[in-house]
C-alpha atoms as a PDB file:
ATOM      1  CA  MET A   1     120.475  88.297 155.230  1.00  0.00           C
ATOM      2  CA  HIS A   2     121.311  91.271 152.994  1.00  0.00           C
ATOM      3  CA  VAL A   3     119.298  91.052 149.830  1.00  0.00           C
ATOM      4  CA  GLY A   4     121.007  94.039 147.993  1.00  0.00           C
ATOM      5  CA  SER A   5     124.517  92.235 147.936  1.00  0.00           C
ATOM      6  CA  GLU A   6     123.227  89.159 146.655  1.00  0.00           C
ATOM      7  CA  GLN A   7     121.647  91.183 143.788  1.00  0.00           C
ATOM      8  CA  THR A   8     124.888  93.114 143.600  1.00  0.00           C
ATOM      9  CA  ASP A   9     127.146  89.684 143.462  1.00  0.00           C
ATOM     10  CA  ARG A  10     124.829  88.432 140.591  1.00  0.00           C
ATOM     11  CA  GLY A  11     125.176  91.874 138.654  1.00  0.00           C
ATOM     12  CA  VAL A  12     128.893  91.636 139.131  1.00  0.00           C
ATOM     13  CA  ALA A  13     129.148  87.878 138.225  1.00  0.00           C
ATOM     14  CA  ALA A  14     126.840  88.570 135.142  1.00  0.00           C
ATOM     15  CA  LEU A  15     129.256  91.435 133.920  1.00  0.00           C
ATOM     16  CA  VAL A  16     132.361  89.349 134.621  1.00  0.00           C
ATOM     17  CA  GLY A  17     130.620  86.453 132.495  1.00  0.00           C
ATOM     18  CA  ARG A  18     129.853  88.987 129.750  1.00  0.00           C
ATOM     19  CA  MET A  19     133.277  90.288 129.892  1.00  0.00           C
ATOM     20  CA  ALA A  20     134.540  87.085 129.532  1.00  0.00           C
ATOM     21  CA  ASP A  21     132.331  86.181 126.547  1.00  0.00           C
ATOM     22  CA  GLY A  22     133.384  89.564 124.859  1.00  0.00           C
ATOM     23  CA  PHE A  23     137.090  88.936 125.128  1.00  0.00           C
ATOM     24  CA  SER A  24     136.682  85.442 124.132  1.00  0.00           C
ATOM     25  CA  LYS A  25     134.811  86.681 121.278  1.00  0.00           C
ATOM     26  CA  LEU A  26     137.363  89.053 120.471  1.00  0.00           C
ATOM     27  CA  VAL A  27     140.236  86.534 120.250  1.00  0.00           C
ATOM     28  CA  THR A  28     138.288  84.292 118.095  1.00  0.00           C
ATOM     29  CA  GLN A  29     137.545  87.420 115.750  1.00  0.00           C
ATOM     30  CA  HIS A  30     141.592  88.164 115.577  1.00  0.00           C
ATOM     31  CA  LEU A  31     142.297  84.505 115.005  1.00  0.00           C
ATOM     32  CA  GLN A  32     139.858  84.625 112.168  1.00  0.00           C
ATOM     33  CA  LEU A  33     141.401  87.731 110.404  1.00  0.00           C
ATOM     34  CA  ALA A  34     144.798  86.137 110.936  1.00  0.00           C
ATOM     35  CA  ARG A  35     143.634  83.310 109.146  1.00  0.00           C
ATOM     36  CA  LEU A  36     142.065  85.122 106.346  1.00  0.00           C
ATOM     37  CA  GLU A  37     145.435  87.369 105.964  1.00  0.00           C
ATOM     38  CA  ILE A  38     147.515  84.281 105.634  1.00  0.00           C
ATOM     39  CA  ALA A  39     145.516  82.869 103.185  1.00  0.00           C
ATOM     40  CA  GLU A  40     145.242  86.320 101.153  1.00  0.00           C
ATOM     41  CA  ASP A  41     149.145  86.586 101.614  1.00  0.00           C
ATOM     42  CA  ALA A  42     149.791  83.124 100.550  1.00  0.00           C
ATOM     43  CA  LYS A  43     147.502  83.589  97.437  1.00  0.00           C
ATOM     44  CA  ALA A  44     149.390  86.703  96.261  1.00  0.00           C
ATOM     45  CA  VAL A  45     152.768  85.349  96.925  1.00  0.00           C
ATOM     46  CA  GLY A  46     151.798  82.438  94.977  1.00  0.00           C
ATOM     47  CA  LEU A  47     150.324  84.155  91.824  1.00  0.00           C
ATOM     48  CA  ASP A  48     153.628  86.092  91.931  1.00  0.00           C
ATOM     49  CA  VAL A  49     155.871  82.910  91.723  1.00  0.00           C
ATOM     50  CA  ALA A  50     153.845  81.295  89.070  1.00  0.00           C
ATOM     51  CA  SER A  51     153.690  84.188  86.780  1.00  0.00           C
ATOM     52  CA  ILE A  52     157.566  84.214  87.185  1.00  0.00           C
ATOM     53  CA  ALA A  53     157.830  80.566  86.433  1.00  0.00           C
ATOM     54  CA  VAL A  54     155.869  80.892  83.445  1.00  0.00           C
ATOM     55  CA  PHE A  55     158.017  83.508  81.852  1.00  0.00           C
ATOM     56  CA  VAL A  56     161.217  82.156  83.090  1.00  0.00           C
ATOM     57  CA  PRO A  57     162.092  79.581  79.955  1.00  0.00           C
ATOM     58  CA  PHE A  58     160.970  82.169  77.329  1.00  0.00           C
ATOM     59  CA  LEU A  59     163.482  84.839  79.168  1.00  0.00           C
ATOM     60  CA  LEU A  60     166.378  82.313  79.357  1.00  0.00           C
ATOM     61  CA  VAL A  61     166.148  81.478  75.518  1.00  0.00           C
ATOM     62  CA  GLY A  62     165.762  85.075  74.524  1.00  0.00           C
ATOM     63  CA  TYR A  63     168.715  86.102  76.582  1.00  0.00           C
ATOM     64  CA  ALA A  64     171.085  83.301  75.422  1.00  0.00           C
ATOM     65  CA  PHE A  65     170.404  84.647  71.934  1.00  0.00           C
ATOM     66  CA  VAL A  66     170.908  88.295  72.769  1.00  0.00           C
ATOM     67  CA  CYS A  67     174.153  87.667  74.729  1.00  0.00           C
ATOM     68  CA  GLY A  68     175.518  85.291  71.919  1.00  0.00           C
ATOM     69  CA  ALA A  69     174.767  88.079  69.319  1.00  0.00           C
ATOM     70  CA  LEU A  70     176.237  90.746  71.767  1.00  0.00           C
ATOM     71  CA  ALA A  71     179.504  88.968  72.117  1.00  0.00           C
ATOM     72  CA  ALA A  72     179.714  88.260  68.334  1.00  0.00           C
ATOM     73  CA  VAL A  73     179.434  91.848  67.735  1.00  0.00           C
ATOM     74  CA  LEU A  74     182.089  92.477  70.178  1.00  0.00           C
ATOM     75  CA  ALA A  75     184.474  90.099  69.092  1.00  0.00           C
ATOM     76  CA  THR A  76     185.419  92.114  66.281  1.00  0.00           C
ATOM     77  CA  TRP A  77     187.105  94.645  68.488  1.00  0.00           C
ATOM     78  CA  LEU A  78     187.552  92.883  71.793  1.00  0.00           C
ATOM     79  CA  GLY A  79     188.501  89.077  70.264  1.00  0.00           C
ATOM     80  CA  TRP A  80     186.137  86.149  71.375  1.00  0.00           C
ATOM     81  CA  ALA A  81     187.537  85.953  75.083  1.00  0.00           C
ATOM     82  CA  GLY A  82     187.290  89.754  75.976  1.00  0.00           C
ATOM     83  CA  ALA A  83     183.873  89.828  74.236  1.00  0.00           C
ATOM     84  CA  LEU A  84     182.553  86.899  76.401  1.00  0.00           C
ATOM     85  CA  ALA A  85     184.032  88.133  79.523  1.00  0.00           C
ATOM     86  CA  LEU A  86     182.438  91.545  78.939  1.00  0.00           C
ATOM     87  CA  VAL A  87     179.046  90.075  78.478  1.00  0.00           C
ATOM     88  CA  GLY A  88     179.420  87.512  81.253  1.00  0.00           C
ATOM     89  CA  GLY A  89     180.344  90.612  83.750  1.00  0.00           C
ATOM     90  CA  LEU A  90     177.306  92.538  82.756  1.00  0.00           C
ATOM     91  CA  ASN A  91     175.398  89.544  83.362  1.00  0.00           C
ATOM     92  CA  LEU A  92     176.657  88.996  86.901  1.00  0.00           C
ATOM     93  CA  GLY A  93     176.267  92.596  87.721  1.00  0.00           C
ATOM     94  CA  GLY A  94     172.638  92.600  86.522  1.00  0.00           C
ATOM     95  CA  GLY A  95     171.804  89.496  88.306  1.00  0.00           C
ATOM     96  CA  VAL A  96     173.240  90.482  91.681  1.00  0.00           C
ATOM     97  CA  PHE A  97     171.362  93.968  91.378  1.00  0.00           C
ATOM     98  CA  GLY A  98     168.073  91.813  90.421  1.00  0.00           C
ATOM     99  CA  ILE A  99     168.422  89.589  93.329  1.00  0.00           C
ATOM    100  CA  LEU A 100     169.083  92.058  95.671  1.00  0.00           C
ATOM    101  CA  ARG A 101     166.178  94.230  94.686  1.00  0.00           C
ATOM    102  CA  ALA A 102     163.868  91.073  94.884  1.00  0.00           C
ATOM    103  CA  VAL A 103     165.106  90.259  98.409  1.00  0.00           C
ATOM    104  CA  LYS A 104     164.647  93.839  99.576  1.00  0.00           C
ATOM    105  CA  ARG A 105     161.244  93.942  98.417  1.00  0.00           C
ATOM    106  CA  MET A 106     160.413  90.749 100.169  1.00  0.00           C
ATOM    107  CA  GLN A 107     161.534  91.951 103.248  1.00  0.00           C
ATOM    108  CA  SER A 108     159.550  95.185 102.899  1.00  0.00           C
ATOM    109  CA  ARG A 109     156.564  93.404 102.296  1.00  0.00           C
ATOM    110  CA  GLN A 110     154.335  93.464 105.494  1.00  0.00           C
ATOM    111  CA  MET A 111     152.449  90.213 106.249  1.00  0.00           C
ATOM    112  CA  MET A 112     149.406  90.434 108.287  1.00  0.00           C
ATOM    113  CA  ASP A 113     149.549  93.880 108.730  1.00  0.00           C
ATOM    114  CA  ASP A 114     145.887  94.433 109.438  1.00  0.00           C
ATOM    115  CA  THR A 115     145.856  91.704 112.093  1.00  0.00           C
ATOM    116  CA  THR A 116     148.771  93.531 113.784  1.00  0.00           C
ATOM    117  CA  SER A 117     147.044  96.820 113.674  1.00  0.00           C
ATOM    118  CA  GLU A 118     143.906  95.410 115.131  1.00  0.00           C
ATOM    119  CA  LEU A 119     145.838  93.493 117.584  1.00  0.00           C
ATOM    120  CA  SER A 120     147.578  96.629 118.719  1.00  0.00           C
ATOM    121  CA  ARG A 121     144.509  98.434 119.049  1.00  0.00           C
ATOM    122  CA  SER A 122     142.847  95.828 121.164  1.00  0.00           C
ATOM    123  CA  MET A 123     145.671  95.577 123.423  1.00  0.00           C
ATOM    124  CA  ALA A 124     145.604  99.577 123.736  1.00  0.00           C
ATOM    125  CA  ALA A 125     142.123  99.478 124.584  1.00  0.00           C
ATOM    126  CA  LEU A 126     142.386  96.504 127.223  1.00  0.00           C
ATOM    127  CA  THR A 127     145.451  98.224 128.895  1.00  0.00           C
ATOM    128  CA  THR A 128     144.588 101.885 129.199  1.00  0.00           C
ATOM    129  CA  THR A 129     143.316 103.099 132.562  1.00  0.00           C
ATOM    130  CA  ARG A 130     140.712 104.961 133.351  1.00  0.00           C
ATOM    131  CA  PRO A 131     140.530 107.761 135.960  1.00  0.00           C
ATOM    132  CA  PRO A 132     138.376 106.531 138.941  1.00  0.00           C
ATOM    133  CA  GLU A 133     134.931 107.989 139.238  1.00  0.00           C
ATOM    134  CA  ALA A 134     133.001 109.189 142.120  1.00  0.00           C
ATOM    135  CA  ALA A 135     131.841 106.267 144.142  1.00  0.00           C
ATOM    136  CA  SER A 136     127.960 105.857 144.828  1.00  0.00           C
ATOM    137  CA  SER A 137     125.845 103.446 146.233  1.00  0.00           C
ATOM    138  CA  VAL A 138     124.427 102.882 142.775  1.00  0.00           C
ATOM    139  CA  ASN A 139     126.181 100.801 139.592  1.00  0.00           C
ATOM    140  CA  THR A 140     126.541 103.116 136.600  1.00  0.00           C
ATOM    141  CA  LEU A 141     127.270 102.374 133.068  1.00  0.00           C
ATOM    142  CA  LYS A 142     128.149 104.881 130.266  1.00  0.00           C
ATOM    143  CA  ASN A 143     127.347 104.017 126.843  1.00  0.00           C
ATOM    144  CA  ASP A 144     129.091 105.832 123.613  1.00  0.00           C
ATOM    145  CA  THR A 145     126.990 109.058 123.948  1.00  0.00           C
ATOM    146  CA  GLY A 146     127.707 109.521 127.460  1.00  0.00           C
ATOM    147  CA  LYS A 147     124.487 109.036 128.717  1.00  0.00           C
ATOM    148  CA  VAL A 148     124.475 107.407 132.270  1.00  0.00           C
ATOM    149  CA  PHE A 149     122.576 104.033 132.914  1.00  0.00           C
ATOM    150  CA  LYS A 150     121.961 103.484 136.587  1.00  0.00           C
ATOM    151  CA  GLU A 151     121.196 100.115 138.314  1.00  0.00           C
ATOM    152  CA  PRO A 152     118.940 100.526 141.340  1.00  0.00           C
ATOM    153  CA  GLN A 153     120.363  99.269 144.631  1.00  0.00           C
ATOM    154  CA  HIS A 154     117.890  96.103 144.986  1.00  0.00           C
ATOM    155  CA  GLY A 155     118.774  94.850 141.554  1.00  0.00           C
ATOM    156  CA  ARG A 156     116.724  94.964 138.380  1.00  0.00           C
END
């Protein structure tokens, strides 16, 4: 029976277990980040909608008075029908412009952009291949400083 291969098998199993734990932790962290970003985006959108809803009644009343006053002023030159048509046409044009602008702004908003970038970085890190190193009879690991850690042939 070969004692060195048993130690190597346990070392590989431990490494695979640690890798699976690390991957599980990574996925869990990505889900937590996504949850936080969804909540943050929903809160921001909710505040925007609420602020619009608060001021809409004031806007409508004031707008009606301004349109009536403008039509009354224009009625002296265009008559009531022409004045109302002009004011109505300007309102339609402004409304279409405002709606198109709002839709464009909503489409340009990046939802969950941090989650997307973190997920892309993780996928890039997991899918990059490294060039094979020279095979030796000793298992080696490198840390961020480039220092090599070697495992003895007969285990720890």
